[in-house]
């Protein structure tokens, strides 16, 4: 019998990759869109788990409008904390394992070195605080839950930094990108592949197994937003690519503060799962190739 997996979220970058890659896996995946389970109502999340009674739940849905969250704190709290907490309680009740996606924004970014799972948190904005509250709610309600923190997610889907930089690379106007925020880009395809490969292990593991708890996943290497933009330029246009101009964060004020260095350490991922994510530049090259192929096809 195929593993029964219930996925919250249908349109995000990770959700799309999970849906696409699941077609080649031995599992029965049910994907719930916002219309089918609106996480602004925590009761809807719990009811969906109770109704489907899966072996594993993957929560790939979230409120991710970082700046808007500063004025929509209640909604961010409901979607990112209250709903995952209700989801976790329902998972514990029906005996399902839970994989919940979180973020590097739970950290202040002032450690001076990559963050381990057990390091002190200190979110700088409402979004990060809501995600941190979600982590606590999930881990306290379900003993068989894994909270995966990730960072700077990119893909060939939807609206994201890579697609924006690729569009700007072809223009003539100067492109100025923040060069004093550091992190590890993460290909949605790589994270989705890991989750689907590990799914049977989570579903079979008992409470207390090291596969549960906090876990960091990000592609290898550290860069800045400007470094990522330049890589997009180079991979898209080759030797003739122009340079992205570096600017400090102070020159690009936003409603929500960002961590200066939210780089995630992934040693526990390697220790527990035997997985070492590939370098981010290699993953980015695959994304650019996919976008190029789509443009040719179009």
C-alpha atoms as a PDB file:
ATOM      1  CA  UNK A   1       0.000   0.000   0.000  1.00  0.00           C
ATOM      2  CA  UNK A   2       1.365   3.408  -0.978  1.00  0.00           C
ATOM      3  CA  UNK A   3       2.331   5.894   1.688  1.00  0.00           C
ATOM      4  CA  UNK A   4      -0.542   8.314   2.235  1.00  0.00           C
ATOM      5  CA  UNK A   5       0.715  11.894   2.292  1.00  0.00           C
ATOM      6  CA  UNK A   6      -1.354  15.016   2.861  1.00  0.00           C
ATOM      7  CA  UNK A   7       0.201  18.260   1.636  1.00  0.00           C
ATOM      8  CA  UNK A   8      -0.919  21.732   2.661  1.00  0.00           C
ATOM      9  CA  UNK A   9      -0.045  24.308   0.009  1.00  0.00           C
ATOM     10  CA  UNK A  10      -0.369  24.048  -3.751  1.00  0.00           C
ATOM     11  CA  UNK A  11       0.998  27.197  -5.377  1.00  0.00           C
ATOM     12  CA  UNK A  12       4.262  28.003  -3.602  1.00  0.00           C
ATOM     13  CA  UNK A  13       7.680  27.133  -4.986  1.00  0.00           C
ATOM     14  CA  UNK A  14       8.223  24.154  -2.686  1.00  0.00           C
ATOM     15  CA  UNK A  15       4.624  22.976  -3.007  1.00  0.00           C
ATOM     16  CA  UNK A  16       4.876  22.911  -6.793  1.00  0.00           C
ATOM     17  CA  UNK A  17       8.113  20.932  -6.686  1.00  0.00           C
ATOM     18  CA  UNK A  18       6.673  18.447  -4.222  1.00  0.00           C
ATOM     19  CA  UNK A  19       3.655  17.897  -6.453  1.00  0.00           C
ATOM     20  CA  UNK A  20       5.785  17.524  -9.562  1.00  0.00           C
ATOM     21  CA  UNK A  21       8.323  15.143  -8.084  1.00  0.00           C
ATOM     22  CA  UNK A  22       5.759  13.051  -6.204  1.00  0.00           C
ATOM     23  CA  UNK A  23       4.537  11.712  -9.540  1.00  0.00           C
ATOM     24  CA  UNK A  24       7.630   9.525  -9.657  1.00  0.00           C
ATOM     25  CA  UNK A  25       7.351   8.269  -6.068  1.00  0.00           C
ATOM     26  CA  UNK A  26       5.505   5.364  -4.520  1.00  0.00           C
ATOM     27  CA  UNK A  27       3.097   7.441  -2.493  1.00  0.00           C
ATOM     28  CA  UNK A  28      -0.476   8.655  -2.652  1.00  0.00           C
ATOM     29  CA  UNK A  29      -0.321  12.438  -2.421  1.00  0.00           C
ATOM     30  CA  UNK A  30      -3.306  14.617  -1.658  1.00  0.00           C
ATOM     31  CA  UNK A  31      -2.644  18.338  -2.147  1.00  0.00           C
ATOM     32  CA  UNK A  32      -4.853  20.918  -0.456  1.00  0.00           C
ATOM     33  CA  UNK A  33      -4.971  24.448  -1.852  1.00  0.00           C
ATOM     34  CA  UNK A  34      -5.958  27.500   0.158  1.00  0.00           C
ATOM     35  CA  UNK A  35      -9.492  27.125  -1.155  1.00  0.00           C
ATOM     36  CA  UNK A  36      -9.656  23.604   0.250  1.00  0.00           C
ATOM     37  CA  UNK A  37      -7.982  24.364   3.591  1.00  0.00           C
ATOM     38  CA  UNK A  38      -7.593  28.037   4.439  1.00  0.00           C
ATOM     39  CA  UNK A  39      -4.936  28.227   7.142  1.00  0.00           C
ATOM     40  CA  UNK A  40      -6.227  31.568   8.365  1.00  0.00           C
ATOM     41  CA  UNK A  41      -8.725  29.275  10.131  1.00  0.00           C
ATOM     42  CA  UNK A  42      -6.739  26.804  12.280  1.00  0.00           C
ATOM     43  CA  UNK A  43      -9.819  24.610  12.627  1.00  0.00           C
ATOM     44  CA  UNK A  44      -9.716  23.973   8.871  1.00  0.00           C
ATOM     45  CA  UNK A  45      -6.183  22.610   9.145  1.00  0.00           C
ATOM     46  CA  UNK A  46      -7.094  20.238  11.940  1.00  0.00           C
ATOM     47  CA  UNK A  47     -10.287  19.120  10.216  1.00  0.00           C
ATOM     48  CA  UNK A  48      -8.401  18.255   7.029  1.00  0.00           C
ATOM     49  CA  UNK A  49      -5.956  16.034   8.912  1.00  0.00           C
ATOM     50  CA  UNK A  50      -8.775  14.331  10.777  1.00  0.00           C
ATOM     51  CA  UNK A  51     -10.703  13.757   7.541  1.00  0.00           C
ATOM     52  CA  UNK A  52      -7.822  12.339   5.485  1.00  0.00           C
ATOM     53  CA  UNK A  53      -5.994  10.475   8.294  1.00  0.00           C
ATOM     54  CA  UNK A  54      -2.704  10.273   6.370  1.00  0.00           C
ATOM     55  CA  UNK A  55       0.573   8.593   7.291  1.00  0.00           C
ATOM     56  CA  UNK A  56       2.469  11.841   6.830  1.00  0.00           C
ATOM     57  CA  UNK A  57       1.524  15.512   6.608  1.00  0.00           C
ATOM     58  CA  UNK A  58       3.734  18.060   4.816  1.00  0.00           C
ATOM     59  CA  UNK A  59       2.972  21.679   5.582  1.00  0.00           C
ATOM     60  CA  UNK A  60       4.328  23.658   2.638  1.00  0.00           C
ATOM     61  CA  UNK A  61       1.853  26.517   3.124  1.00  0.00           C
ATOM     62  CA  UNK A  62       2.726  29.763   4.884  1.00  0.00           C
ATOM     63  CA  UNK A  63       2.189  33.489   5.070  1.00  0.00           C
ATOM     64  CA  UNK A  64       5.395  34.735   3.425  1.00  0.00           C
ATOM     65  CA  UNK A  65       4.756  38.437   2.768  1.00  0.00           C
ATOM     66  CA  UNK A  66       7.578  39.567   5.048  1.00  0.00           C
ATOM     67  CA  UNK A  67       7.009  43.307   4.783  1.00  0.00           C
ATOM     68  CA  UNK A  68       3.214  43.182   4.769  1.00  0.00           C
ATOM     69  CA  UNK A  69       3.281  41.048   7.912  1.00  0.00           C
ATOM     70  CA  UNK A  70       4.350  44.136   9.836  1.00  0.00           C
ATOM     71  CA  UNK A  71       0.783  45.422   9.459  1.00  0.00           C
ATOM     72  CA  UNK A  72      -0.943  42.015   9.272  1.00  0.00           C
ATOM     73  CA  UNK A  73       0.465  40.434  12.394  1.00  0.00           C
ATOM     74  CA  UNK A  74      -2.748  38.625  13.349  1.00  0.00           C
ATOM     75  CA  UNK A  75      -3.045  36.970   9.949  1.00  0.00           C
ATOM     76  CA  UNK A  76       0.632  35.976   9.952  1.00  0.00           C
ATOM     77  CA  UNK A  77       0.199  34.490  13.431  1.00  0.00           C
ATOM     78  CA  UNK A  78      -2.890  32.534  12.394  1.00  0.00           C
ATOM     79  CA  UNK A  79      -1.346  31.041   9.246  1.00  0.00           C
ATOM     80  CA  UNK A  80       2.223  30.529  10.463  1.00  0.00           C
ATOM     81  CA  UNK A  81       1.641  29.537  14.085  1.00  0.00           C
ATOM     82  CA  UNK A  82      -1.955  28.798  15.072  1.00  0.00           C
ATOM     83  CA  UNK A  83      -2.795  26.647  12.051  1.00  0.00           C
ATOM     84  CA  UNK A  84       0.411  24.562  12.196  1.00  0.00           C
ATOM     85  CA  UNK A  85      -0.208  24.055  15.924  1.00  0.00           C
ATOM     86  CA  UNK A  86      -3.736  22.800  15.244  1.00  0.00           C
ATOM     87  CA  UNK A  87      -2.397  20.659  12.422  1.00  0.00           C
ATOM     88  CA  UNK A  88       0.182  19.140  14.757  1.00  0.00           C
ATOM     89  CA  UNK A  89      -2.431  18.334  17.400  1.00  0.00           C
ATOM     90  CA  UNK A  90      -4.526  16.552  14.784  1.00  0.00           C
ATOM     91  CA  UNK A  91      -1.469  14.647  13.515  1.00  0.00           C
ATOM     92  CA  UNK A  92      -0.740  13.475  17.037  1.00  0.00           C
ATOM     93  CA  UNK A  93      -4.356  12.369  17.391  1.00  0.00           C
ATOM     94  CA  UNK A  94      -4.514  10.340  14.155  1.00  0.00           C
ATOM     95  CA  UNK A  95      -0.956   8.978  14.418  1.00  0.00           C
ATOM     96  CA  UNK A  96       0.503  10.882  11.475  1.00  0.00           C
ATOM     97  CA  UNK A  97       4.025  12.256  11.287  1.00  0.00           C
ATOM     98  CA  UNK A  98       4.405  15.929  10.366  1.00  0.00           C
ATOM     99  CA  UNK A  99       6.971  17.844   8.334  1.00  0.00           C
ATOM    100  CA  UNK A 100       6.659  21.601   8.795  1.00  0.00           C
ATOM    101  CA  UNK A 101       8.680  24.179   6.865  1.00  0.00           C
ATOM    102  CA  UNK A 102      10.228  27.120   8.700  1.00  0.00           C
ATOM    103  CA  UNK A 103      12.820  29.786   7.945  1.00  0.00           C
ATOM    104  CA  UNK A 104      16.201  31.320   8.743  1.00  0.00           C
ATOM    105  CA  UNK A 105      14.294  34.458   9.738  1.00  0.00           C
ATOM    106  CA  UNK A 106      13.813  32.989  13.215  1.00  0.00           C
ATOM    107  CA  UNK A 107      17.413  34.106  13.847  1.00  0.00           C
ATOM    108  CA  UNK A 108      18.732  37.623  14.472  1.00  0.00           C
ATOM    109  CA  UNK A 109      21.639  37.149  12.077  1.00  0.00           C
ATOM    110  CA  UNK A 110      24.272  38.476  14.485  1.00  0.00           C
ATOM    111  CA  UNK A 111      26.004  35.244  15.527  1.00  0.00           C
ATOM    112  CA  UNK A 112      28.927  35.752  13.157  1.00  0.00           C
ATOM    113  CA  UNK A 113      28.842  32.104  12.063  1.00  0.00           C
ATOM    114  CA  UNK A 114      26.290  29.676  10.549  1.00  0.00           C
ATOM    115  CA  UNK A 115      23.415  28.801  12.837  1.00  0.00           C
ATOM    116  CA  UNK A 116      22.970  25.358  14.382  1.00  0.00           C
ATOM    117  CA  UNK A 117      19.518  24.026  15.179  1.00  0.00           C
ATOM    118  CA  UNK A 118      19.983  24.591  18.895  1.00  0.00           C
ATOM    119  CA  UNK A 119      21.278  28.141  18.695  1.00  0.00           C
ATOM    120  CA  UNK A 120      19.378  30.976  20.333  1.00  0.00           C
ATOM    121  CA  UNK A 121      16.683  32.495  18.154  1.00  0.00           C
ATOM    122  CA  UNK A 122      15.756  36.166  17.929  1.00  0.00           C
ATOM    123  CA  UNK A 123      13.568  37.158  14.985  1.00  0.00           C
ATOM    124  CA  UNK A 124      13.798  40.755  13.825  1.00  0.00           C
ATOM    125  CA  UNK A 125      10.362  41.029  12.253  1.00  0.00           C
ATOM    126  CA  UNK A 126       6.746  39.903  12.610  1.00  0.00           C
ATOM    127  CA  UNK A 127       7.099  37.222   9.958  1.00  0.00           C
ATOM    128  CA  UNK A 128      10.063  35.627  11.718  1.00  0.00           C
ATOM    129  CA  UNK A 129       8.296  35.797  15.073  1.00  0.00           C
ATOM    130  CA  UNK A 130       5.217  34.094  13.641  1.00  0.00           C
ATOM    131  CA  UNK A 131       7.332  31.319  12.145  1.00  0.00           C
ATOM    132  CA  UNK A 132       9.178  30.829  15.430  1.00  0.00           C
ATOM    133  CA  UNK A 133       5.842  30.582  17.235  1.00  0.00           C
ATOM    134  CA  UNK A 134       4.809  27.987  14.672  1.00  0.00           C
ATOM    135  CA  UNK A 135       7.895  25.914  15.377  1.00  0.00           C
ATOM    136  CA  UNK A 136       7.128  25.886  19.087  1.00  0.00           C
ATOM    137  CA  UNK A 137       3.471  25.044  18.517  1.00  0.00           C
ATOM    138  CA  UNK A 138       4.290  22.146  16.206  1.00  0.00           C
ATOM    139  CA  UNK A 139       7.018  20.596  18.334  1.00  0.00           C
ATOM    140  CA  UNK A 140       5.007  20.860  21.553  1.00  0.00           C
ATOM    141  CA  UNK A 141       1.861  19.316  20.046  1.00  0.00           C
ATOM    142  CA  UNK A 142       3.294  16.428  18.007  1.00  0.00           C
ATOM    143  CA  UNK A 143       6.117  14.171  19.156  1.00  0.00           C
ATOM    144  CA  UNK A 144       6.614  12.901  15.594  1.00  0.00           C
ATOM    145  CA  UNK A 145       7.218  16.255  13.948  1.00  0.00           C
ATOM    146  CA  UNK A 146      10.193  17.529  11.970  1.00  0.00           C
ATOM    147  CA  UNK A 147      10.560  21.290  11.533  1.00  0.00           C
ATOM    148  CA  UNK A 148      12.778  22.069   8.558  1.00  0.00           C
ATOM    149  CA  UNK A 149      14.303  25.525   8.496  1.00  0.00           C
ATOM    150  CA  UNK A 150      15.376  26.658   5.053  1.00  0.00           C
ATOM    151  CA  UNK A 151      16.483  29.897   3.420  1.00  0.00           C
ATOM    152  CA  UNK A 152      16.377  31.945   0.216  1.00  0.00           C
ATOM    153  CA  UNK A 153      14.205  29.454  -1.682  1.00  0.00           C
ATOM    154  CA  UNK A 154      14.474  29.718  -5.467  1.00  0.00           C
ATOM    155  CA  UNK A 155      13.018  27.824  -8.408  1.00  0.00           C
ATOM    156  CA  UNK A 156      11.692  28.181 -11.938  1.00  0.00           C
ATOM    157  CA  UNK A 157       8.161  28.605 -10.564  1.00  0.00           C
ATOM    158  CA  UNK A 158       6.096  31.637  -9.659  1.00  0.00           C
ATOM    159  CA  UNK A 159       7.552  35.010  -8.751  1.00  0.00           C
ATOM    160  CA  UNK A 160      10.930  34.857  -7.049  1.00  0.00           C
ATOM    161  CA  UNK A 161      14.318  36.550  -6.879  1.00  0.00           C
ATOM    162  CA  UNK A 162      15.970  34.458  -9.596  1.00  0.00           C
ATOM    163  CA  UNK A 163      13.244  35.137 -12.156  1.00  0.00           C
ATOM    164  CA  UNK A 164      13.272  38.838 -11.322  1.00  0.00           C
ATOM    165  CA  UNK A 165      17.060  39.072 -11.714  1.00  0.00           C
ATOM    166  CA  UNK A 166      16.944  37.121 -14.980  1.00  0.00           C
ATOM    167  CA  UNK A 167      14.437  39.608 -16.377  1.00  0.00           C
ATOM    168  CA  UNK A 168      16.488  42.590 -15.222  1.00  0.00           C
ATOM    169  CA  UNK A 169      19.692  41.096 -16.626  1.00  0.00           C
ATOM    170  CA  UNK A 170      18.371  41.568 -20.145  1.00  0.00           C
ATOM    171  CA  UNK A 171      17.576  45.249 -19.591  1.00  0.00           C
ATOM    172  CA  UNK A 172      19.733  48.348 -19.711  1.00  0.00           C
ATOM    173  CA  UNK A 173      18.861  50.040 -16.426  1.00  0.00           C
ATOM    174  CA  UNK A 174      21.381  49.675 -13.569  1.00  0.00           C
ATOM    175  CA  UNK A 175      20.607  46.808 -11.208  1.00  0.00           C
ATOM    176  CA  UNK A 176      21.529  47.519  -7.597  1.00  0.00           C
ATOM    177  CA  UNK A 177      21.334  44.652  -5.125  1.00  0.00           C
ATOM    178  CA  UNK A 178      21.962  44.422  -1.383  1.00  0.00           C
ATOM    179  CA  UNK A 179      25.451  43.065  -0.693  1.00  0.00           C
ATOM    180  CA  UNK A 180      25.598  42.954   3.111  1.00  0.00           C
ATOM    181  CA  UNK A 181      22.993  40.273   3.821  1.00  0.00           C
ATOM    182  CA  UNK A 182      24.432  36.746   3.760  1.00  0.00           C
ATOM    183  CA  UNK A 183      22.723  33.383   3.478  1.00  0.00           C
ATOM    184  CA  UNK A 184      22.480  30.043   1.694  1.00  0.00           C
ATOM    185  CA  UNK A 185      20.201  29.857  -1.363  1.00  0.00           C
ATOM    186  CA  UNK A 186      18.000  26.761  -1.523  1.00  0.00           C
ATOM    187  CA  UNK A 187      16.598  25.177  -4.664  1.00  0.00           C
ATOM    188  CA  UNK A 188      12.984  24.185  -4.074  1.00  0.00           C
ATOM    189  CA  UNK A 189      13.632  21.118  -6.221  1.00  0.00           C
ATOM    190  CA  UNK A 190      16.421  19.927  -3.936  1.00  0.00           C
ATOM    191  CA  UNK A 191      14.399  20.441  -0.767  1.00  0.00           C
ATOM    192  CA  UNK A 192      11.386  18.698  -2.286  1.00  0.00           C
ATOM    193  CA  UNK A 193      13.533  15.775  -3.393  1.00  0.00           C
ATOM    194  CA  UNK A 194      14.910  15.373   0.105  1.00  0.00           C
ATOM    195  CA  UNK A 195      11.466  15.509   1.733  1.00  0.00           C
ATOM    196  CA  UNK A 196       9.975  12.927  -0.614  1.00  0.00           C
ATOM    197  CA  UNK A 197      12.959  10.593  -0.241  1.00  0.00           C
ATOM    198  CA  UNK A 198      12.810  10.833   3.549  1.00  0.00           C
ATOM    199  CA  UNK A 199       9.009  10.580   3.722  1.00  0.00           C
ATOM    200  CA  UNK A 200       8.868   6.808   4.379  1.00  0.00           C
ATOM    201  CA  UNK A 201      11.420   7.160   7.166  1.00  0.00           C
ATOM    202  CA  UNK A 202       9.408   9.863   8.929  1.00  0.00           C
ATOM    203  CA  UNK A 203       6.194   7.903   8.520  1.00  0.00           C
ATOM    204  CA  UNK A 204       7.710   4.764  10.062  1.00  0.00           C
ATOM    205  CA  UNK A 205       9.789   6.345  12.842  1.00  0.00           C
ATOM    206  CA  UNK A 206       8.722   6.366  16.455  1.00  0.00           C
ATOM    207  CA  UNK A 207       8.701   9.392  18.748  1.00  0.00           C
ATOM    208  CA  UNK A 208      12.203  10.153  19.964  1.00  0.00           C
ATOM    209  CA  UNK A 209      13.866   9.166  16.702  1.00  0.00           C
ATOM    210  CA  UNK A 210      16.503  11.738  15.650  1.00  0.00           C
ATOM    211  CA  UNK A 211      14.667  12.266  12.345  1.00  0.00           C
ATOM    212  CA  UNK A 212      12.250  14.447  14.324  1.00  0.00           C
ATOM    213  CA  UNK A 213      12.869  17.846  15.874  1.00  0.00           C
ATOM    214  CA  UNK A 214      14.613  20.817  14.260  1.00  0.00           C
ATOM    215  CA  UNK A 215      16.535  20.381  11.013  1.00  0.00           C
ATOM    216  CA  UNK A 216      18.283  22.792   8.641  1.00  0.00           C
ATOM    217  CA  UNK A 217      18.284  22.353   4.860  1.00  0.00           C
ATOM    218  CA  UNK A 218      19.964  24.712   2.406  1.00  0.00           C
ATOM    219  CA  UNK A 219      22.240  24.298  -0.574  1.00  0.00           C
ATOM    220  CA  UNK A 220      25.975  24.439   0.033  1.00  0.00           C
ATOM    221  CA  UNK A 221      27.906  27.696   0.182  1.00  0.00           C
ATOM    222  CA  UNK A 222      27.214  31.214   1.378  1.00  0.00           C
ATOM    223  CA  UNK A 223      26.598  34.339  -0.660  1.00  0.00           C
ATOM    224  CA  UNK A 224      24.878  37.725  -0.595  1.00  0.00           C
ATOM    225  CA  UNK A 225      21.795  38.786  -2.542  1.00  0.00           C
ATOM    226  CA  UNK A 226      24.122  40.636  -4.893  1.00  0.00           C
ATOM    227  CA  UNK A 227      26.255  37.505  -5.278  1.00  0.00           C
ATOM    228  CA  UNK A 228      23.164  35.488  -6.136  1.00  0.00           C
ATOM    229  CA  UNK A 229      22.037  38.142  -8.614  1.00  0.00           C
ATOM    230  CA  UNK A 230      25.431  38.163 -10.311  1.00  0.00           C
ATOM    231  CA  UNK A 231      25.354  34.389 -10.634  1.00  0.00           C
ATOM    232  CA  UNK A 232      21.951  34.660 -12.329  1.00  0.00           C
ATOM    233  CA  UNK A 233      23.377  37.260 -14.717  1.00  0.00           C
ATOM    234  CA  UNK A 234      26.424  35.129 -15.537  1.00  0.00           C
ATOM    235  CA  UNK A 235      24.497  31.895 -16.032  1.00  0.00           C
ATOM    236  CA  UNK A 236      21.852  33.615 -18.142  1.00  0.00           C
ATOM    237  CA  UNK A 237      24.060  35.771 -20.369  1.00  0.00           C
ATOM    238  CA  UNK A 238      27.497  34.201 -20.186  1.00  0.00           C
ATOM    239  CA  UNK A 239      30.742  36.127 -20.558  1.00  0.00           C
ATOM    240  CA  UNK A 240      28.943  39.250 -21.739  1.00  0.00           C
ATOM    241  CA  UNK A 241      26.889  39.631 -18.569  1.00  0.00           C
ATOM    242  CA  UNK A 242      27.080  43.017 -16.905  1.00  0.00           C
ATOM    243  CA  UNK A 243      27.724  43.507 -13.215  1.00  0.00           C
ATOM    244  CA  UNK A 244      25.074  43.864 -10.555  1.00  0.00           C
ATOM    245  CA  UNK A 245      25.939  46.910  -8.475  1.00  0.00           C
ATOM    246  CA  UNK A 246      26.372  46.335  -4.708  1.00  0.00           C
ATOM    247  CA  UNK A 247      24.442  48.498  -2.245  1.00  0.00           C
ATOM    248  CA  UNK A 248      24.097  48.326   1.551  1.00  0.00           C
ATOM    249  CA  UNK A 249      20.850  47.360   3.249  1.00  0.00           C
ATOM    250  CA  UNK A 250      20.558  50.943   4.481  1.00  0.00           C
ATOM    251  CA  UNK A 251      20.142  52.105   0.880  1.00  0.00           C
ATOM    252  CA  UNK A 252      17.110  49.889   0.395  1.00  0.00           C
ATOM    253  CA  UNK A 253      14.904  50.441   3.450  1.00  0.00           C
ATOM    254  CA  UNK A 254      12.053  47.992   3.980  1.00  0.00           C
ATOM    255  CA  UNK A 255       9.245  47.854   6.578  1.00  0.00           C
ATOM    256  CA  UNK A 256      10.641  44.613   8.042  1.00  0.00           C
ATOM    257  CA  UNK A 257      14.248  44.239   9.201  1.00  0.00           C
ATOM    258  CA  UNK A 258      16.246  41.328   7.756  1.00  0.00           C
ATOM    259  CA  UNK A 259      18.982  39.266   9.455  1.00  0.00           C
ATOM    260  CA  UNK A 260      22.431  40.305   8.236  1.00  0.00           C
ATOM    261  CA  UNK A 261      23.694  36.722   8.268  1.00  0.00           C
ATOM    262  CA  UNK A 262      21.062  34.052   8.684  1.00  0.00           C
ATOM    263  CA  UNK A 263      23.261  31.323   7.204  1.00  0.00           C
ATOM    264  CA  UNK A 264      22.140  27.841   8.254  1.00  0.00           C
ATOM    265  CA  UNK A 265      24.496  25.054   9.292  1.00  0.00           C
ATOM    266  CA  UNK A 266      23.404  21.712   7.790  1.00  0.00           C
ATOM    267  CA  UNK A 267      25.708  19.338   9.669  1.00  0.00           C
ATOM    268  CA  UNK A 268      22.777  17.649  11.437  1.00  0.00           C
ATOM    269  CA  UNK A 269      21.159  16.922   8.076  1.00  0.00           C
ATOM    270  CA  UNK A 270      24.283  15.034   7.055  1.00  0.00           C
ATOM    271  CA  UNK A 271      24.604  13.294  10.413  1.00  0.00           C
ATOM    272  CA  UNK A 272      21.016  12.055  10.663  1.00  0.00           C
ATOM    273  CA  UNK A 273      20.023  11.558   7.033  1.00  0.00           C
ATOM    274  CA  UNK A 274      23.372  11.141   5.290  1.00  0.00           C
ATOM    275  CA  UNK A 275      22.506  14.058   2.999  1.00  0.00           C
ATOM    276  CA  UNK A 276      24.904  16.836   2.028  1.00  0.00           C
ATOM    277  CA  UNK A 277      23.175  19.385  -0.211  1.00  0.00           C
ATOM    278  CA  UNK A 278      24.979  20.281  -3.414  1.00  0.00           C
ATOM    279  CA  UNK A 279      26.453  23.763  -3.946  1.00  0.00           C
ATOM    280  CA  UNK A 280      23.905  26.498  -4.594  1.00  0.00           C
ATOM    281  CA  UNK A 281      25.582  27.526  -7.870  1.00  0.00           C
ATOM    282  CA  UNK A 282      25.075  24.025  -9.252  1.00  0.00           C
ATOM    283  CA  UNK A 283      21.421  24.061  -8.243  1.00  0.00           C
ATOM    284  CA  UNK A 284      20.989  27.547  -9.706  1.00  0.00           C
ATOM    285  CA  UNK A 285      22.425  26.398 -13.030  1.00  0.00           C
ATOM    286  CA  UNK A 286      19.655  23.797 -13.257  1.00  0.00           C
ATOM    287  CA  UNK A 287      17.017  26.452 -12.567  1.00  0.00           C
ATOM    288  CA  UNK A 288      18.414  28.752 -15.256  1.00  0.00           C
ATOM    289  CA  UNK A 289      18.513  25.839 -17.701  1.00  0.00           C
ATOM    290  CA  UNK A 290      14.859  25.057 -16.943  1.00  0.00           C
ATOM    291  CA  UNK A 291      13.844  28.681 -17.464  1.00  0.00           C
ATOM    292  CA  UNK A 292      15.794  28.815 -20.732  1.00  0.00           C
ATOM    293  CA  UNK A 293      14.093  25.657 -21.964  1.00  0.00           C
ATOM    294  CA  UNK A 294      10.680  27.104 -21.114  1.00  0.00           C
ATOM    295  CA  UNK A 295      11.472  30.267 -23.058  1.00  0.00           C
ATOM    296  CA  UNK A 296      12.545  28.270 -26.109  1.00  0.00           C
ATOM    297  CA  UNK A 297       9.417  26.149 -25.923  1.00  0.00           C
ATOM    298  CA  UNK A 298       7.234  29.242 -25.601  1.00  0.00           C
END
